[in-house]
């Protein structure tokens, strides 16, 4: 008789404990961390500074600056970062090719002239023809971050001139500031970077290849919004809200670019004049534009595969995935209003 009483009780207790454990697994976190770049102004940084993300997402949002996208990947691997905003496409490719469980849910920003290589005016580069460019580039020293969009663009540019990384003296640096420092102290002939450091270098140098020239040879440049798969699964509503706030910020900026320039400059760690100059080189695709064929409707996935295979051919990565369709998820963006 005692056993007949205990068994149903034990069953109910087990069910209650299971339900509690399930609730705990998907409980609202007290805080999350979003990775971003300083000197890389994006409209949603106004919402960052004004705590709009905290208020609307109902959680404390910590924004942590990183020097490059590969460090963002490492932080996501350790679960110390849940969302990376404006992670470079190449670091995303490198990470997912190695099996890191992260997914792109949106396009943060498109840019060409804002991520580029700058040549010292005294380097003696002859731009009169493609052959002369190749001849005078060979053997030059180049400071660049490795395994990111900047590195990819450098290699694709060299490939256009019939050269490879082995034809140059590549000096690896951790980020744009280090590249600019090497350039401005004349330690290298060419330096590749993104954001504010590019503008500083252009005061005494010229672009190796302009944004328009890059796009003409098929070099598209954009950053992604990547999220850990665990966070996507556990808190889909927070991911959707993050994208909604970003979409709202982008539309507000498009309607009146100068309205909150000072706030945006402060959030980016820049002077207003430099911020305005850099923003002119940026494009922030709307939800509908991102969902079109030109972006997440197929082109981004194809470009990702092409870039991955190119990096394998250059010896930067050991292998690429058969397809990168599975590391893109537009379902969250589709629910944005």
Protein backbone atom coordinates (compact mmCIF):
# COMPACT_ATOMS: atom_id res chain seq x y z
CA UNK A 1 0.00 0.00 0.00
CA UNK A 2 2.86 2.31 0.85
CA UNK A 3 4.46 1.61 -2.53
CA UNK A 4 1.21 2.43 -4.30
CA UNK A 5 1.28 5.87 -2.66
CA UNK A 6 4.95 6.58 -3.24
CA UNK A 7 5.12 5.74 -6.95
CA UNK A 8 2.62 8.36 -8.14
CA UNK A 9 4.25 10.87 -5.81
CA UNK A 10 7.70 10.04 -7.12
CA UNK A 11 6.43 10.36 -10.68
CA UNK A 12 4.92 13.78 -9.98
CA UNK A 13 8.09 14.92 -8.24
CA UNK A 14 10.23 13.82 -11.20
CA UNK A 15 7.91 15.61 -13.64
CA UNK A 16 8.06 18.77 -11.52
CA UNK A 17 11.85 18.66 -11.36
CA UNK A 18 12.02 18.11 -15.14
CA UNK A 19 9.73 21.06 -15.77
CA UNK A 20 11.78 23.25 -13.41
CA UNK A 21 15.01 22.26 -15.15
CA UNK A 22 13.46 23.06 -18.52
CA UNK A 23 12.32 26.47 -17.29
CA UNK A 24 15.79 27.20 -15.93
CA UNK A 25 17.42 26.27 -19.24
CA UNK A 26 15.37 28.88 -21.12
CA UNK A 27 15.07 31.44 -18.31
CA UNK A 28 15.66 35.05 -19.23
CA UNK A 29 19.35 35.83 -18.63
CA UNK A 30 20.18 38.77 -16.40
CA UNK A 31 22.63 40.12 -18.96
CA UNK A 32 24.11 39.39 -22.37
CA UNK A 33 27.24 40.61 -24.16
CA UNK A 34 27.37 42.01 -27.67
CA UNK A 35 30.70 42.33 -29.50
CA UNK A 36 31.34 45.41 -31.66
CA UNK A 37 34.12 47.61 -33.05
CA UNK A 38 35.20 51.06 -31.94
CA UNK A 39 35.84 53.62 -34.70
CA UNK A 40 33.20 51.79 -36.74
CA UNK A 41 30.03 53.89 -36.39
CA UNK A 42 26.67 52.23 -37.03
CA UNK A 43 23.23 53.78 -36.36
CA UNK A 44 22.31 51.27 -33.68
CA UNK A 45 25.14 52.60 -31.51
CA UNK A 46 22.80 55.46 -30.65
CA UNK A 47 20.44 52.83 -29.23
CA UNK A 48 23.48 51.29 -27.53
CA UNK A 49 24.38 54.54 -25.76
CA UNK A 50 20.78 55.44 -24.93
CA UNK A 51 20.18 51.95 -23.46
CA UNK A 52 17.36 51.22 -25.91
CA UNK A 53 18.52 47.63 -26.26
CA UNK A 54 18.40 47.16 -22.48
CA UNK A 55 14.91 48.64 -22.18
CA UNK A 56 13.30 46.82 -25.09
CA UNK A 57 15.07 43.49 -24.67
CA UNK A 58 14.47 43.52 -20.91
CA UNK A 59 18.05 42.58 -20.08
CA UNK A 60 21.32 44.33 -19.35
CA UNK A 61 23.27 44.50 -22.61
CA UNK A 62 27.03 44.74 -22.24
CA UNK A 63 28.82 46.06 -25.33
CA UNK A 64 32.41 44.86 -25.59
CA UNK A 65 34.82 46.26 -28.18
CA UNK A 66 37.14 43.87 -30.05
CA UNK A 67 40.13 44.58 -32.33
CA UNK A 68 39.07 42.03 -34.97
CA UNK A 69 36.40 39.51 -35.93
CA UNK A 70 38.50 36.46 -35.09
CA UNK A 71 38.65 37.54 -31.47
CA UNK A 72 34.87 37.86 -31.60
CA UNK A 73 34.66 34.23 -32.74
CA UNK A 74 36.88 33.11 -29.85
CA UNK A 75 34.65 34.95 -27.39
CA UNK A 76 31.55 33.34 -28.88
CA UNK A 77 33.21 29.93 -28.64
CA UNK A 78 33.65 30.47 -24.89
CA UNK A 79 30.06 31.81 -24.61
CA UNK A 80 31.31 35.10 -23.17
CA UNK A 81 29.68 36.81 -26.18
CA UNK A 82 26.24 35.90 -27.52
CA UNK A 83 25.92 38.33 -30.44
CA UNK A 84 28.62 39.83 -32.65
CA UNK A 85 27.50 42.97 -34.43
CA UNK A 86 29.33 43.80 -37.65
CA UNK A 87 31.57 40.74 -37.52
CA UNK A 88 33.62 40.55 -40.68
CA UNK A 89 32.45 37.98 -43.22
CA UNK A 90 35.86 36.31 -43.39
CA UNK A 91 36.23 35.67 -39.63
CA UNK A 92 32.70 34.27 -39.77
CA UNK A 93 33.71 31.98 -42.63
CA UNK A 94 36.87 30.84 -40.85
CA UNK A 95 34.92 30.09 -37.66
CA UNK A 96 32.06 28.19 -39.27
CA UNK A 97 34.46 26.27 -41.50
CA UNK A 98 36.08 24.99 -38.31
CA UNK A 99 32.69 23.99 -36.91
CA UNK A 100 31.99 26.86 -34.52
CA UNK A 101 28.20 26.82 -33.92
CA UNK A 102 27.31 30.38 -34.89
CA UNK A 103 24.83 31.69 -37.46
CA UNK A 104 24.39 34.87 -39.50
CA UNK A 105 20.95 36.41 -38.97
CA UNK A 106 21.44 39.69 -40.82
CA UNK A 107 23.74 42.08 -42.68
CA UNK A 108 25.17 44.84 -40.49
CA UNK A 109 26.82 47.13 -43.03
CA UNK A 110 28.11 47.16 -46.59
CA UNK A 111 31.32 49.03 -47.32
CA UNK A 112 34.15 49.10 -49.81
CA UNK A 113 36.24 52.24 -49.33
CA UNK A 114 36.01 51.89 -45.53
CA UNK A 115 38.03 48.66 -45.58
CA UNK A 116 41.01 48.99 -47.86
CA UNK A 117 44.76 48.95 -48.34
CA UNK A 118 46.68 52.22 -48.43
CA UNK A 119 49.98 52.70 -50.25
CA UNK A 120 52.69 55.05 -49.00
CA UNK A 121 53.11 57.76 -51.63
CA UNK A 122 56.87 57.23 -51.49
CA UNK A 123 56.63 53.47 -52.15
CA UNK A 124 57.21 53.88 -55.88
CA UNK A 125 54.12 52.05 -57.13
CA UNK A 126 53.68 52.53 -60.89
CA UNK A 127 49.95 52.66 -61.66
CA UNK A 128 50.32 53.23 -65.42
CA UNK A 129 49.32 49.65 -66.27
CA UNK A 130 48.35 46.33 -64.71
CA UNK A 131 51.80 44.94 -65.54
CA UNK A 132 53.61 47.88 -63.97
CA UNK A 133 51.45 47.58 -60.84
CA UNK A 134 52.39 43.92 -60.50
CA UNK A 135 56.09 44.63 -61.05
CA UNK A 136 56.30 47.47 -58.54
CA UNK A 137 54.12 45.77 -55.91
CA UNK A 138 56.25 42.62 -55.83
CA UNK A 139 58.42 42.45 -52.71
CA UNK A 140 56.73 45.37 -50.93
CA UNK A 141 55.98 45.11 -47.20
CA UNK A 142 52.31 45.00 -46.18
CA UNK A 143 50.86 45.26 -42.67
CA UNK A 144 47.47 43.57 -42.36
CA UNK A 145 45.31 41.65 -39.90
CA UNK A 146 45.20 37.97 -40.86
CA UNK A 147 42.14 35.83 -41.60
CA UNK A 148 39.61 38.64 -41.85
CA UNK A 149 37.87 40.70 -44.55
CA UNK A 150 40.85 43.06 -44.84
CA UNK A 151 43.23 40.15 -45.44
CA UNK A 152 40.83 38.60 -47.96
CA UNK A 153 40.56 41.83 -49.93
CA UNK A 154 44.34 42.19 -50.00
CA UNK A 155 44.78 38.67 -51.37
CA UNK A 156 42.01 39.13 -53.95
CA UNK A 157 43.57 42.42 -55.05
CA UNK A 158 46.99 40.80 -55.41
CA UNK A 159 45.39 37.92 -57.32
CA UNK A 160 43.96 40.45 -59.76
CA UNK A 161 47.52 41.61 -60.48
CA UNK A 162 48.78 38.05 -60.84
CA UNK A 163 50.45 38.02 -57.43
CA UNK A 164 49.96 36.11 -54.17
CA UNK A 165 50.78 36.71 -50.53
CA UNK A 166 54.09 34.92 -51.11
CA UNK A 167 55.14 37.69 -53.49
CA UNK A 168 54.89 40.27 -50.69
CA UNK A 169 56.45 40.74 -47.26
CA UNK A 170 53.30 40.39 -45.15
CA UNK A 171 53.51 41.76 -41.62
CA UNK A 172 50.66 40.36 -39.47
CA UNK A 173 49.03 42.82 -37.03
CA UNK A 174 46.14 42.42 -34.60
CA UNK A 175 43.97 45.24 -35.91
CA UNK A 176 43.62 48.47 -37.87
CA UNK A 177 45.32 50.69 -35.31
CA UNK A 178 48.47 48.56 -35.40
CA UNK A 179 48.42 48.58 -39.21
CA UNK A 180 48.10 52.38 -39.24
CA UNK A 181 50.91 52.72 -36.69
CA UNK A 182 53.25 50.66 -38.89
CA UNK A 183 52.24 52.71 -41.93
CA UNK A 184 52.57 56.13 -40.32
CA UNK A 185 56.03 55.30 -38.91
CA UNK A 186 57.13 54.13 -42.38
CA UNK A 187 57.82 50.57 -41.20
CA UNK A 188 55.82 49.19 -44.14
CA UNK A 189 55.09 50.29 -47.71
CA UNK A 190 51.40 49.34 -47.58
CA UNK A 191 48.94 48.86 -44.73
CA UNK A 192 45.43 47.41 -44.78
CA UNK A 193 42.78 48.34 -42.23
CA UNK A 194 39.19 49.42 -41.71
CA UNK A 195 37.39 52.37 -40.15
CA UNK A 196 39.15 55.35 -38.62
CA UNK A 197 42.72 54.05 -39.19
CA UNK A 198 42.10 54.14 -42.96
CA UNK A 199 41.30 57.86 -42.89
CA UNK A 200 44.46 58.54 -40.87
CA UNK A 201 46.59 56.69 -43.42
CA UNK A 202 44.96 58.41 -46.39
CA UNK A 203 46.39 61.72 -45.16
CA UNK A 204 49.77 60.56 -46.45
CA UNK A 205 48.86 57.75 -48.82
CA UNK A 206 46.49 56.56 -51.56
CA UNK A 207 44.25 53.53 -51.86
CA UNK A 208 45.78 50.48 -53.48
CA UNK A 209 42.40 49.94 -55.16
CA UNK A 210 39.28 52.08 -54.74
CA UNK A 211 35.96 50.65 -53.63
CA UNK A 212 34.54 50.98 -57.14
CA UNK A 213 37.57 49.16 -58.58
CA UNK A 214 37.18 46.40 -55.96
CA UNK A 215 33.52 45.87 -56.81
CA UNK A 216 34.34 45.79 -60.54
CA UNK A 217 36.53 42.72 -60.01
CA UNK A 218 33.96 41.04 -57.74
CA UNK A 219 35.15 42.01 -54.26
CA UNK A 220 31.96 42.68 -52.25
CA UNK A 221 32.52 43.86 -48.70
CA UNK A 222 30.07 43.50 -45.84
CA UNK A 223 29.83 42.57 -42.18
CA UNK A 224 27.30 40.24 -40.62
CA UNK A 225 25.25 39.98 -37.45
CA UNK A 226 26.22 36.61 -36.01
CA UNK A 227 24.71 34.81 -33.03
CA UNK A 228 25.68 31.67 -31.15
CA UNK A 229 23.39 28.76 -32.00
CA UNK A 230 22.72 28.20 -28.30
CA UNK A 231 21.42 31.75 -27.88
CA UNK A 232 19.34 31.42 -31.06
CA UNK A 233 17.70 28.28 -29.71
CA UNK A 234 17.21 29.47 -26.12
CA UNK A 235 16.18 33.10 -26.76
CA UNK A 236 14.80 33.58 -30.28
CA UNK A 237 12.58 36.46 -29.18
CA UNK A 238 15.62 38.42 -27.98
CA UNK A 239 17.39 37.91 -31.31
CA UNK A 240 14.29 39.18 -33.12
CA UNK A 241 14.11 42.21 -30.83
CA UNK A 242 17.80 42.97 -31.40
CA UNK A 243 17.20 42.99 -35.16
CA UNK A 244 14.08 45.12 -34.76
CA UNK A 245 15.92 47.79 -32.75
CA UNK A 246 18.71 47.81 -35.32
CA UNK A 247 16.24 48.12 -38.23
CA UNK A 248 14.50 51.02 -36.47
CA UNK A 249 17.86 52.74 -35.84
CA UNK A 250 18.91 52.32 -39.48
CA UNK A 251 15.64 53.80 -40.75
CA UNK A 252 15.85 56.72 -38.33
CA UNK A 253 19.41 57.42 -39.47
CA UNK A 254 18.43 57.22 -43.16
CA UNK A 255 15.64 59.74 -42.59
CA UNK A 256 17.94 62.24 -40.84
CA UNK A 257 21.65 61.29 -40.91
CA UNK A 258 22.84 64.29 -38.91
CA UNK A 259 20.23 64.25 -36.14
CA UNK A 260 22.27 62.29 -33.60
CA UNK A 261 25.75 62.53 -35.08
CA UNK A 262 27.34 63.64 -31.79
CA UNK A 263 25.78 60.73 -29.91
CA UNK A 264 26.90 58.30 -32.57
CA UNK A 265 30.43 59.73 -32.59
CA UNK A 266 30.65 59.36 -28.82
CA UNK A 267 29.50 55.73 -28.97
CA UNK A 268 32.04 54.97 -31.71
CA UNK A 269 34.88 56.70 -29.84
CA UNK A 270 35.42 59.21 -32.65
CA UNK A 271 35.23 62.93 -33.42
CA UNK A 272 32.01 64.05 -35.18
CA UNK A 273 33.86 65.13 -38.33
CA UNK A 274 35.63 61.79 -38.71
CA UNK A 275 32.39 59.96 -37.95
CA UNK A 276 30.52 61.83 -40.67
CA UNK A 277 33.30 61.12 -43.17
CA UNK A 278 33.31 57.38 -42.44
CA UNK A 279 29.52 57.06 -42.49
CA UNK A 280 29.51 58.37 -46.06
CA UNK A 281 31.33 55.17 -47.03
CA UNK A 282 28.75 52.91 -45.38
CA UNK A 283 25.46 51.43 -46.57
CA UNK A 284 23.02 49.92 -44.07
CA UNK A 285 20.66 47.59 -45.99
CA UNK A 286 17.02 47.58 -44.85
CA UNK A 287 15.21 44.39 -43.89
CA UNK A 288 13.69 44.02 -47.36
CA UNK A 289 17.02 44.68 -49.07
CA UNK A 290 18.72 42.07 -46.89
CA UNK A 291 16.09 39.48 -47.74
CA UNK A 292 16.47 40.11 -51.48
CA UNK A 293 18.48 37.98 -53.89
CA UNK A 294 21.25 40.61 -53.80
CA UNK A 295 21.97 39.74 -50.16
CA UNK A 296 20.66 36.91 -47.98
CA UNK A 297 18.42 35.55 -50.72
CA UNK A 298 21.38 33.68 -52.18
CA UNK A 299 24.22 36.03 -53.12
CA UNK A 300 25.75 36.17 -49.63
CA UNK A 301 25.76 32.38 -49.35
CA UNK A 302 27.41 32.03 -52.77
CA UNK A 303 29.99 34.69 -51.95
CA UNK A 304 30.72 32.94 -48.65
CA UNK A 305 31.42 29.67 -50.43
CA UNK A 306 33.58 31.41 -53.03
CA UNK A 307 35.60 33.27 -50.39
CA UNK A 308 36.08 30.07 -48.36
CA UNK A 309 37.35 28.16 -51.39
CA UNK A 310 39.66 31.05 -52.29
CA UNK A 311 41.16 31.01 -48.78
CA UNK A 312 41.75 27.27 -49.10
CA UNK A 313 43.53 27.83 -52.42
CA UNK A 314 45.71 30.49 -50.76
CA UNK A 315 46.61 28.17 -47.89
CA UNK A 316 44.88 30.34 -45.26
CA UNK A 317 42.35 27.58 -44.43
CA UNK A 318 42.74 23.82 -44.64
CA UNK A 319 39.24 23.10 -45.90
CA UNK A 320 35.86 24.66 -46.62
CA UNK A 321 32.31 23.43 -46.18
CA UNK A 322 30.43 21.91 -49.09
CA UNK A 323 27.79 24.60 -48.65
CA UNK A 324 27.32 27.56 -46.30
CA UNK A 325 23.54 27.77 -46.62
CA UNK A 326 23.12 26.20 -43.19
CA UNK A 327 25.04 28.98 -41.40
CA UNK A 328 22.53 31.62 -42.56
CA UNK A 329 19.07 31.96 -41.00
CA UNK A 330 16.69 34.66 -42.24
CA UNK A 331 13.69 33.54 -40.18
CA UNK A 332 14.36 36.11 -37.44
CA UNK A 333 14.78 38.97 -39.91
CA UNK A 334 11.53 38.03 -41.63
CA UNK A 335 9.63 38.71 -38.41
CA UNK A 336 11.03 42.22 -38.09
CA UNK A 337 8.42 44.92 -38.78
